[in-house]
Full PDB file with SEQRES, HELIX, SHEET, SSBOND, CRYST1, ORIGX, SCALE, CONECT and MASTER records, all heavy atoms in Angstrom:
SEQRES   1 A   35  ASP ASP VAL ASN ILE ALA VAL ILE GLN GLN ARG SER PRO          
SEQRES   2 A   35  ALA LEU LYS SER SER LYS GLN ASP PHE VAL ASP SER LEU          
SEQRES   3 A   35  LEU GLU PHE ILE ARG THR SER GLY ALA                          
HELIX    1 AA1 LYS A   16  SER A   18  5                                   3    
HELIX    2 AA2 LYS A   19  SER A   33  1                                  15    
CRYST1    1.000    1.000    1.000  90.00  90.00  90.00 P 1           1          
ORIGX1      1.000000  0.000000  0.000000        0.00000                         
ORIGX2      0.000000  1.000000  0.000000        0.00000                         
ORIGX3      0.000000  0.000000  1.000000        0.00000                         
SCALE1      1.000000  0.000000  0.000000        0.00000                         
SCALE2      0.000000  1.000000  0.000000        0.00000                         
SCALE3      0.000000  0.000000  1.000000        0.00000                         
ATOM      1  N   ASP A   1      47.410  99.892 170.197  1.00  0.00           N  
ATOM      2  CA  ASP A   1      48.468  98.919 170.483  1.00  0.00           C  
ATOM      3  C   ASP A   1      47.913  97.540 170.800  1.00  0.00           C  
ATOM      4  O   ASP A   1      48.523  96.525 170.471  1.00  0.00           O  
ATOM      5  CB  ASP A   1      49.330  99.413 171.656  1.00  0.00           C  
ATOM      6  CG  ASP A   1      50.213 100.591 171.270  1.00  0.00           C  
ATOM      7  OD1 ASP A   1      50.501 100.740 170.062  1.00  0.00           O  
ATOM      8  OD2 ASP A   1      50.597 101.368 172.165  1.00  0.00           O  
ATOM      9  N   ASP A   2      46.734  97.470 171.454  1.00  0.00           N  
ATOM     10  CA  ASP A   2      46.185  96.191 171.883  1.00  0.00           C  
ATOM     11  C   ASP A   2      45.204  95.580 170.888  1.00  0.00           C  
ATOM     12  O   ASP A   2      44.509  94.615 171.205  1.00  0.00           O  
ATOM     13  CB  ASP A   2      45.504  96.341 173.253  1.00  0.00           C  
ATOM     14  CG  ASP A   2      44.386  97.380 173.239  1.00  0.00           C  
ATOM     15  OD1 ASP A   2      44.366  98.228 172.315  1.00  0.00           O  
ATOM     16  OD2 ASP A   2      43.537  97.344 174.147  1.00  0.00           O  
ATOM     17  N   VAL A   3      45.126  96.130 169.690  1.00  0.00           N  
ATOM     18  CA  VAL A   3      44.276  95.583 168.628  1.00  0.00           C  
ATOM     19  C   VAL A   3      45.186  95.184 167.481  1.00  0.00           C  
ATOM     20  O   VAL A   3      46.071  95.947 167.081  1.00  0.00           O  
ATOM     21  CB  VAL A   3      43.226  96.610 168.147  1.00  0.00           C  
ATOM     22  CG1 VAL A   3      42.424  96.053 166.982  1.00  0.00           C  
ATOM     23  CG2 VAL A   3      42.304  96.992 169.301  1.00  0.00           C  
ATOM     24  N   ASN A   4      44.943  93.995 166.932  1.00  0.00           N  
ATOM     25  CA  ASN A   4      45.882  93.420 165.972  1.00  0.00           C  
ATOM     26  C   ASN A   4      45.681  93.888 164.539  1.00  0.00           C  
ATOM     27  O   ASN A   4      46.245  93.316 163.616  1.00  0.00           O  
ATOM     28  CB  ASN A   4      45.816  91.883 166.016  1.00  0.00           C  
ATOM     29  CG  ASN A   4      47.079  91.252 165.451  1.00  0.00           C  
ATOM     30  OD1 ASN A   4      48.183  91.770 165.628  1.00  0.00           O  
ATOM     31  ND2 ASN A   4      46.912  90.144 164.728  1.00  0.00           N  
ATOM     32  N   ILE A   5      44.863  94.923 164.334  1.00  0.00           N  
ATOM     33  CA  ILE A   5      44.707  95.476 163.000  1.00  0.00           C  
ATOM     34  C   ILE A   5      44.914  96.981 163.053  1.00  0.00           C  
ATOM     35  O   ILE A   5      44.732  97.620 164.095  1.00  0.00           O  
ATOM     36  CB  ILE A   5      43.334  95.153 162.373  1.00  0.00           C  
ATOM     37  CG1 ILE A   5      42.222  95.940 163.065  1.00  0.00           C  
ATOM     38  CG2 ILE A   5      43.050  93.669 162.389  1.00  0.00           C  
ATOM     39  CD1 ILE A   5      40.882  95.865 162.345  1.00  0.00           C  
ATOM     40  N   ALA A   6      45.320  97.538 161.932  1.00  0.00           N  
ATOM     41  CA  ALA A   6      45.383  98.987 161.745  1.00  0.00           C  
ATOM     42  C   ALA A   6      44.587  99.303 160.494  1.00  0.00           C  
ATOM     43  O   ALA A   6      44.520  98.489 159.561  1.00  0.00           O  
ATOM     44  CB  ALA A   6      46.826  99.454 161.603  1.00  0.00           C  
ATOM     45  N   VAL A   7      43.951 100.464 160.468  1.00  0.00           N  
ATOM     46  CA  VAL A   7      43.061 100.820 159.367  1.00  0.00           C  
ATOM     47  C   VAL A   7      43.488 102.159 158.775  1.00  0.00           C  
ATOM     48  O   VAL A   7      43.615 103.154 159.504  1.00  0.00           O  
ATOM     49  CB  VAL A   7      41.594 100.909 159.835  1.00  0.00           C  
ATOM     50  CG1 VAL A   7      40.688 101.293 158.664  1.00  0.00           C  
ATOM     51  CG2 VAL A   7      41.142  99.590 160.443  1.00  0.00           C  
ATOM     52  N   ILE A   8      43.721 102.176 157.483  1.00  0.00           N  
ATOM     53  CA  ILE A   8      43.893 103.436 156.767  1.00  0.00           C  
ATOM     54  C   ILE A   8      42.509 103.935 156.364  1.00  0.00           C  
ATOM     55  O   ILE A   8      41.671 103.153 155.916  1.00  0.00           O  
ATOM     56  CB  ILE A   8      44.782 103.241 155.523  1.00  0.00           C  
ATOM     57  CG1 ILE A   8      46.246 103.011 155.944  1.00  0.00           C  
ATOM     58  CG2 ILE A   8      44.693 104.452 154.600  1.00  0.00           C  
ATOM     59  CD1 ILE A   8      47.185 102.766 154.771  1.00  0.00           C  
ATOM     60  N   GLN A   9      42.271 105.218 156.549  1.00  0.00           N  
ATOM     61  CA  GLN A   9      41.018 105.796 156.061  1.00  0.00           C  
ATOM     62  C   GLN A   9      41.343 106.850 155.005  1.00  0.00           C  
ATOM     63  O   GLN A   9      42.077 107.797 155.254  1.00  0.00           O  
ATOM     64  CB  GLN A   9      40.219 106.433 157.204  1.00  0.00           C  
ATOM     65  CG  GLN A   9      38.888 107.042 156.790  1.00  0.00           C  
ATOM     66  CD  GLN A   9      37.925 106.073 156.137  1.00  0.00           C  
ATOM     67  OE1 GLN A   9      38.201 105.545 155.053  1.00  0.00           O  
ATOM     68  NE2 GLN A   9      36.801 105.815 156.784  1.00  0.00           N  
ATOM     69  N   GLN A  10      40.803 106.643 153.799  1.00  0.00           N  
ATOM     70  CA  GLN A  10      40.999 107.569 152.689  1.00  0.00           C  
ATOM     71  C   GLN A  10      39.683 108.257 152.390  1.00  0.00           C  
ATOM     72  O   GLN A  10      38.684 107.608 152.088  1.00  0.00           O  
ATOM     73  CB  GLN A  10      41.513 106.829 151.448  1.00  0.00           C  
ATOM     74  CG  GLN A  10      41.783 107.754 150.268  1.00  0.00           C  
ATOM     75  CD  GLN A  10      42.266 107.011 149.033  1.00  0.00           C  
ATOM     76  OE1 GLN A  10      42.615 105.838 149.100  1.00  0.00           O  
ATOM     77  NE2 GLN A  10      42.274 107.692 147.899  1.00  0.00           N  
ATOM     78  N   ARG A  11      39.665 109.574 152.445  1.00  0.00           N  
ATOM     79  CA  ARG A  11      38.411 110.304 152.328  1.00  0.00           C  
ATOM     80  C   ARG A  11      38.229 111.026 150.996  1.00  0.00           C  
ATOM     81  O   ARG A  11      37.196 111.661 150.789  1.00  0.00           O  
ATOM     82  CB  ARG A  11      38.285 111.298 153.484  1.00  0.00           C  
ATOM     83  CG  ARG A  11      38.171 110.606 154.844  1.00  0.00           C  
ATOM     84  CD  ARG A  11      37.928 111.606 155.953  1.00  0.00           C  
ATOM     85  NE  ARG A  11      37.703 110.912 157.219  1.00  0.00           N  
ATOM     86  CZ  ARG A  11      38.652 110.520 158.040  1.00  0.00           C  
ATOM     87  NH1 ARG A  11      39.917 110.743 157.704  1.00  0.00           N  
ATOM     88  NH2 ARG A  11      38.379 109.910 159.170  1.00  0.00           N  
ATOM     89  N   SER A  12      39.219 110.986 150.138  1.00  0.00           N  
ATOM     90  CA  SER A  12      39.058 111.597 148.817  1.00  0.00           C  
ATOM     91  C   SER A  12      39.878 110.797 147.809  1.00  0.00           C  
ATOM     92  O   SER A  12      40.878 110.179 148.172  1.00  0.00           O  
ATOM     93  CB  SER A  12      39.490 113.067 148.829  1.00  0.00           C  
ATOM     94  OG  SER A  12      40.880 113.188 149.043  1.00  0.00           O  
ATOM     95  N   PRO A  13      39.457 110.804 146.547  1.00  0.00           N  
ATOM     96  CA  PRO A  13      40.150 110.000 145.531  1.00  0.00           C  
ATOM     97  C   PRO A  13      41.458 110.638 145.091  1.00  0.00           C  
ATOM     98  O   PRO A  13      41.720 111.818 145.340  1.00  0.00           O  
ATOM     99  CB  PRO A  13      39.145 109.961 144.382  1.00  0.00           C  
ATOM    100  CG  PRO A  13      38.366 111.232 144.537  1.00  0.00           C  
ATOM    101  CD  PRO A  13      38.258 111.473 146.017  1.00  0.00           C  
ATOM    102  N   ALA A  14      42.269 109.844 144.422  1.00  0.00           N  
ATOM    103  CA  ALA A  14      43.527 110.343 143.878  1.00  0.00           C  
ATOM    104  C   ALA A  14      43.251 111.244 142.674  1.00  0.00           C  
ATOM    105  O   ALA A  14      42.302 111.035 141.917  1.00  0.00           O  
ATOM    106  CB  ALA A  14      44.417 109.181 143.455  1.00  0.00           C  
ATOM    107  N   LEU A  15      44.087 112.270 142.528  1.00  0.00           N  
ATOM    108  CA  LEU A  15      44.001 113.126 141.352  1.00  0.00           C  
ATOM    109  C   LEU A  15      44.329 112.312 140.104  1.00  0.00           C  
ATOM    110  O   LEU A  15      45.175 111.420 140.140  1.00  0.00           O  
ATOM    111  CB  LEU A  15      44.976 114.293 141.491  1.00  0.00           C  
ATOM    112  CG  LEU A  15      44.702 115.266 142.649  1.00  0.00           C  
ATOM    113  CD1 LEU A  15      45.908 116.147 142.886  1.00  0.00           C  
ATOM    114  CD2 LEU A  15      43.460 116.106 142.350  1.00  0.00           C  
ATOM    115  N   LYS A  16      43.673 112.642 139.002  1.00  0.00           N  
ATOM    116  CA  LYS A  16      43.841 111.865 137.767  1.00  0.00           C  
ATOM    117  C   LYS A  16      45.299 111.788 137.346  1.00  0.00           C  
ATOM    118  O   LYS A  16      45.777 110.739 136.895  1.00  0.00           O  
ATOM    119  CB  LYS A  16      42.987 112.480 136.666  1.00  0.00           C  
ATOM    120  CG  LYS A  16      43.012 111.690 135.368  1.00  0.00           C  
ATOM    121  CD  LYS A  16      42.084 112.302 134.329  1.00  0.00           C  
ATOM    122  CE  LYS A  16      42.100 111.491 133.041  1.00  0.00           C  
ATOM    123  NZ  LYS A  16      41.181 112.083 132.020  1.00  0.00           N  
ATOM    124  N   SER A  17      46.024 112.899 137.508  1.00  0.00           N  
ATOM    125  CA  SER A  17      47.416 112.944 137.060  1.00  0.00           C  
ATOM    126  C   SER A  17      48.391 112.320 138.050  1.00  0.00           C  
ATOM    127  O   SER A  17      49.580 112.202 137.757  1.00  0.00           O  
ATOM    128  CB  SER A  17      47.829 114.401 136.809  1.00  0.00           C  
ATOM    129  OG  SER A  17      47.724 115.160 138.007  1.00  0.00           O  
ATOM    130  N   SER A  18      47.880 111.918 139.231  1.00  0.00           N  
ATOM    131  CA  SER A  18      48.775 111.441 140.290  1.00  0.00           C  
ATOM    132  C   SER A  18      48.438 110.033 140.767  1.00  0.00           C  
ATOM    133  O   SER A  18      48.914 109.611 141.815  1.00  0.00           O  
ATOM    134  CB  SER A  18      48.723 112.408 141.482  1.00  0.00           C  
ATOM    135  OG  SER A  18      49.075 113.709 141.100  1.00  0.00           O  
ATOM    136  N   LYS A  19      47.622 109.312 140.005  1.00  0.00           N  
ATOM    137  CA  LYS A  19      47.171 107.996 140.458  1.00  0.00           C  
ATOM    138  C   LYS A  19      48.337 107.039 140.720  1.00  0.00           C  
ATOM    139  O   LYS A  19      48.420 106.415 141.777  1.00  0.00           O  
ATOM    140  CB  LYS A  19      46.207 107.388 139.443  1.00  0.00           C  
ATOM    141  CG  LYS A  19      44.853 108.072 139.394  1.00  0.00           C  
ATOM    142  CD  LYS A  19      43.946 107.415 138.361  1.00  0.00           C  
ATOM    143  CE  LYS A  19      42.581 108.085 138.332  1.00  0.00           C  
ATOM    144  NZ  LYS A  19      41.675 107.470 137.319  1.00  0.00           N  
ATOM    145  N   GLN A  20      49.238 106.918 139.752  1.00  0.00           N  
ATOM    146  CA  GLN A  20      50.335 105.965 139.921  1.00  0.00           C  
ATOM    147  C   GLN A  20      51.312 106.433 140.993  1.00  0.00           C  
ATOM    148  O   GLN A  20      51.854 105.608 141.735  1.00  0.00           O  
ATOM    149  CB  GLN A  20      51.066 105.743 138.604  1.00  0.00           C  
ATOM    150  CG  GLN A  20      52.005 104.529 138.626  1.00  0.00           C  
ATOM    151  CD  GLN A  20      51.271 103.237 138.941  1.00  0.00           C  
ATOM    152  OE1 GLN A  20      50.218 102.930 138.369  1.00  0.00           O  
ATOM    153  NE2 GLN A  20      51.823 102.455 139.872  1.00  0.00           N  
ATOM    154  N   ASP A  21      51.532 107.740 141.112  1.00  0.00           N  
ATOM    155  CA  ASP A  21      52.397 108.259 142.178  1.00  0.00           C  
ATOM    156  C   ASP A  21      51.829 107.883 143.541  1.00  0.00           C  
ATOM    157  O   ASP A  21      52.571 107.476 144.450  1.00  0.00           O  
ATOM    158  CB  ASP A  21      52.524 109.784 142.080  1.00  0.00           C  
ATOM    159  CG  ASP A  21      53.346 110.225 140.884  1.00  0.00           C  
ATOM    160  OD1 ASP A  21      54.133 109.396 140.370  1.00  0.00           O  
ATOM    161  OD2 ASP A  21      53.207 111.387 140.470  1.00  0.00           O  
ATOM    162  N   PHE A  22      50.512 108.017 143.673  1.00  0.00           N  
ATOM    163  CA  PHE A  22      49.873 107.664 144.939  1.00  0.00           C  
ATOM    164  C   PHE A  22      50.006 106.175 145.219  1.00  0.00           C  
ATOM    165  O   PHE A  22      50.354 105.769 146.332  1.00  0.00           O  
ATOM    166  CB  PHE A  22      48.398 108.071 144.921  1.00  0.00           C  
ATOM    167  CG  PHE A  22      47.616 107.533 146.079  1.00  0.00           C  
ATOM    168  CD1 PHE A  22      47.866 107.983 147.370  1.00  0.00           C  
ATOM    169  CD2 PHE A  22      46.641 106.568 145.889  1.00  0.00           C  
ATOM    170  CE1 PHE A  22      47.145 107.483 148.448  1.00  0.00           C  
ATOM    171  CE2 PHE A  22      45.926 106.061 146.949  1.00  0.00           C  
ATOM    172  CZ  PHE A  22      46.183 106.516 148.245  1.00  0.00           C  
ATOM    173  N   VAL A  23      49.729 105.354 144.218  1.00  0.00           N  
ATOM    174  CA  VAL A  23      49.824 103.905 144.388  1.00  0.00           C  
ATOM    175  C   VAL A  23      51.248 103.500 144.778  1.00  0.00           C  
ATOM    176  O   VAL A  23      51.451 102.688 145.691  1.00  0.00           O  
ATOM    177  CB  VAL A  23      49.371 103.173 143.105  1.00  0.00           C  
ATOM    178  CG1 VAL A  23      49.728 101.686 143.170  1.00  0.00           C  
ATOM    179  CG2 VAL A  23      47.873 103.343 142.905  1.00  0.00           C  
ATOM    180  N   ASP A  24      52.229 104.070 144.098  1.00  0.00           N  
ATOM    181  CA  ASP A  24      53.627 103.734 144.398  1.00  0.00           C  
ATOM    182  C   ASP A  24      53.994 104.125 145.834  1.00  0.00           C  
ATOM    183  O   ASP A  24      54.660 103.355 146.542  1.00  0.00           O  
ATOM    184  CB  ASP A  24      54.562 104.449 143.413  1.00  0.00           C  
ATOM    185  CG  ASP A  24      54.440 103.909 141.994  1.00  0.00           C  
ATOM    186  OD1 ASP A  24      53.909 102.797 141.825  1.00  0.00           O  
ATOM    187  OD2 ASP A  24      54.878 104.615 141.065  1.00  0.00           O  
ATOM    188  N   SER A  25      53.571 105.305 146.274  1.00  0.00           N  
ATOM    189  CA  SER A  25      53.875 105.760 147.643  1.00  0.00           C  
ATOM    190  C   SER A  25      53.184 104.875 148.663  1.00  0.00           C  
ATOM    191  O   SER A  25      53.774 104.510 149.698  1.00  0.00           O  
ATOM    192  CB  SER A  25      53.446 107.217 147.818  1.00  0.00           C  
ATOM    193  OG  SER A  25      54.166 108.083 146.975  1.00  0.00           O  
ATOM    194  N   LEU A  26      51.922 104.521 148.399  1.00  0.00           N  
ATOM    195  CA  LEU A  26      51.175 103.681 149.329  1.00  0.00           C  
ATOM    196  C   LEU A  26      51.809 102.303 149.468  1.00  0.00           C  
ATOM    197  O   LEU A  26      51.999 101.793 150.585  1.00  0.00           O  
ATOM    198  CB  LEU A  26      49.728 103.552 148.854  1.00  0.00           C  
ATOM    199  CG  LEU A  26      48.809 102.653 149.692  1.00  0.00           C  
ATOM    200  CD1 LEU A  26      48.643 103.224 151.096  1.00  0.00           C  
ATOM    201  CD2 LEU A  26      47.446 102.483 149.010  1.00  0.00           C  
ATOM    202  N   LEU A  27      52.169 101.697 148.338  1.00  0.00           N  
ATOM    203  CA  LEU A  27      52.757 100.360 148.378  1.00  0.00           C  
ATOM    204  C   LEU A  27      54.133 100.378 149.033  1.00  0.00           C  
ATOM    205  O   LEU A  27      54.499  99.430 149.746  1.00  0.00           O  
ATOM    206  CB  LEU A  27      52.844  99.778 146.967  1.00  0.00           C  
ATOM    207  CG  LEU A  27      51.503  99.431 146.311  1.00  0.00           C  
ATOM    208  CD1 LEU A  27      51.718  98.864 144.917  1.00  0.00           C  
ATOM    209  CD2 LEU A  27      50.701  98.454 147.164  1.00  0.00           C  
ATOM    210  N   GLU A  28      54.891 101.438 148.836  1.00  0.00           N  
ATOM    211  CA  GLU A  28      56.199 101.528 149.483  1.00  0.00           C  
ATOM    212  C   GLU A  28      56.031 101.670 150.994  1.00  0.00           C  
ATOM    213  O   GLU A  28      56.784 101.072 151.774  1.00  0.00           O  
ATOM    214  CB  GLU A  28      56.984 102.713 148.919  1.00  0.00           C  
ATOM    215  CG  GLU A  28      58.352 102.930 149.555  1.00  0.00           C  
ATOM    216  CD  GLU A  28      59.302 101.752 149.368  1.00  0.00           C  
ATOM    217  OE1 GLU A  28      59.050 100.888 148.499  1.00  0.00           O  
ATOM    218  OE2 GLU A  28      60.305 101.691 150.109  1.00  0.00           O  
ATOM    219  N   PHE A  29      55.034 102.445 151.416  1.00  0.00           N  
ATOM    220  CA  PHE A  29      54.756 102.552 152.854  1.00  0.00           C  
ATOM    221  C   PHE A  29      54.386 101.190 153.427  1.00  0.00           C  
ATOM    222  O   PHE A  29      54.889 100.790 154.485  1.00  0.00           O  
ATOM    223  CB  PHE A  29      53.621 103.550 153.102  1.00  0.00           C  
ATOM    224  CG  PHE A  29      53.060 103.469 154.495  1.00  0.00           C  
ATOM    225  CD1 PHE A  29      53.750 104.008 155.574  1.00  0.00           C  
ATOM    226  CD2 PHE A  29      51.846 102.828 154.737  1.00  0.00           C  
ATOM    227  CE1 PHE A  29      53.251 103.916 156.859  1.00  0.00           C  
ATOM    228  CE2 PHE A  29      51.334 102.733 156.021  1.00  0.00           C  
ATOM    229  CZ  PHE A  29      52.035 103.277 157.091  1.00  0.00           C  
ATOM    230  N   ILE A  30      53.509 100.470 152.743  1.00  0.00           N  
ATOM    231  CA  ILE A  30      53.093  99.156 153.234  1.00  0.00           C  
ATOM    232  C   ILE A  30      54.279  98.198 153.286  1.00  0.00           C  
ATOM    233  O   ILE A  30      54.468  97.475 154.268  1.00  0.00           O  
ATOM    234  CB  ILE A  30      51.974  98.588 152.331  1.00  0.00           C  
ATOM    235  CG1 ILE A  30      50.711  99.451 152.442  1.00  0.00           C  
ATOM    236  CG2 ILE A  30      51.657  97.136 152.715  1.00  0.00           C  
ATOM    237  CD1 ILE A  30      49.620  99.076 151.440  1.00  0.00           C  
ATOM    238  N   ARG A  31      55.097  98.226 152.237  1.00  0.00           N  
ATOM    239  CA  ARG A  31      56.237  97.307 152.155  1.00  0.00           C  
ATOM    240  C   ARG A  31      57.202  97.495 153.322  1.00  0.00           C  
ATOM    241  O   ARG A  31      57.762  96.524 153.832  1.00  0.00           O  
ATOM    242  CB  ARG A  31      56.969  97.511 150.831  1.00  0.00           C  
ATOM    243  CG  ARG A  31      58.084  96.504 150.567  1.00  0.00           C  
ATOM    244  CD  ARG A  31      58.883  96.847 149.329  1.00  0.00           C  
ATOM    245  NE  ARG A  31      59.656  98.071 149.492  1.00  0.00           N  
ATOM    246  CZ  ARG A  31      60.836  98.137 150.123  1.00  0.00           C  
ATOM    247  NH1 ARG A  31      61.364  97.045 150.655  1.00  0.00           N  
ATOM    248  NH2 ARG A  31      61.475  99.284 150.239  1.00  0.00           N  
ATOM    249  N   THR A  32      57.388  98.722 153.740  1.00  0.00           N  
ATOM    250  CA  THR A  32      58.357  99.010 154.801  1.00  0.00           C  
ATOM    251  C   THR A  32      57.735  99.125 156.185  1.00  0.00           C  
ATOM    252  O   THR A  32      58.428  99.419 157.148  1.00  0.00           O  
ATOM    253  CB  THR A  32      59.103 100.322 154.482  1.00  0.00           C  
ATOM    254  OG1 THR A  32      58.151 101.397 154.373  1.00  0.00           O  
ATOM    255  CG2 THR A  32      59.879 100.202 153.175  1.00  0.00           C  
ATOM    256  N   SER A  33      56.415  98.907 156.276  1.00  0.00           N  
ATOM    257  CA  SER A  33      55.723  99.125 157.544  1.00  0.00           C  
ATOM    258  C   SER A  33      55.882  97.985 158.539  1.00  0.00           C  
ATOM    259  O   SER A  33      55.667  98.160 159.739  1.00  0.00           O  
ATOM    260  CB  SER A  33      54.225  99.350 157.286  1.00  0.00           C  
ATOM    261  OG  SER A  33      53.621  98.142 156.817  1.00  0.00           O  
ATOM    262  N   GLY A  34      56.212  96.795 158.040  1.00  0.00           N  
ATOM    263  CA  GLY A  34      56.277  95.636 158.917  1.00  0.00           C  
ATOM    264  C   GLY A  34      54.935  94.957 159.119  1.00  0.00           C  
ATOM    265  O   GLY A  34      54.799  94.069 159.975  1.00  0.00           O  
ATOM    266  N   ALA A  35      53.926  95.352 158.343  1.00  0.00           N  
ATOM    267  CA  ALA A  35      52.603  94.731 158.459  1.00  0.00           C  
ATOM    268  C   ALA A  35      52.692  93.238 158.147  1.00  0.00           C  
ATOM    269  O   ALA A  35      53.431  92.815 157.251  1.00  0.00           O  
ATOM    270  CB  ALA A  35      51.613  95.401 157.506  1.00  0.00           C  
TER     271      ALA A  35                                                      
MASTER        0    0    0    2    0    0    0    6  270    1    0    3          
END                                                                             
């Protein structure tokens, strides 16, 4: 709460068949997060 940044940590790559699904979900989360 007292630090002005938040960090996502991703430890494995996206599956080949799910790359765009992952990107779309990530961007929608960011868009609605209030960052």
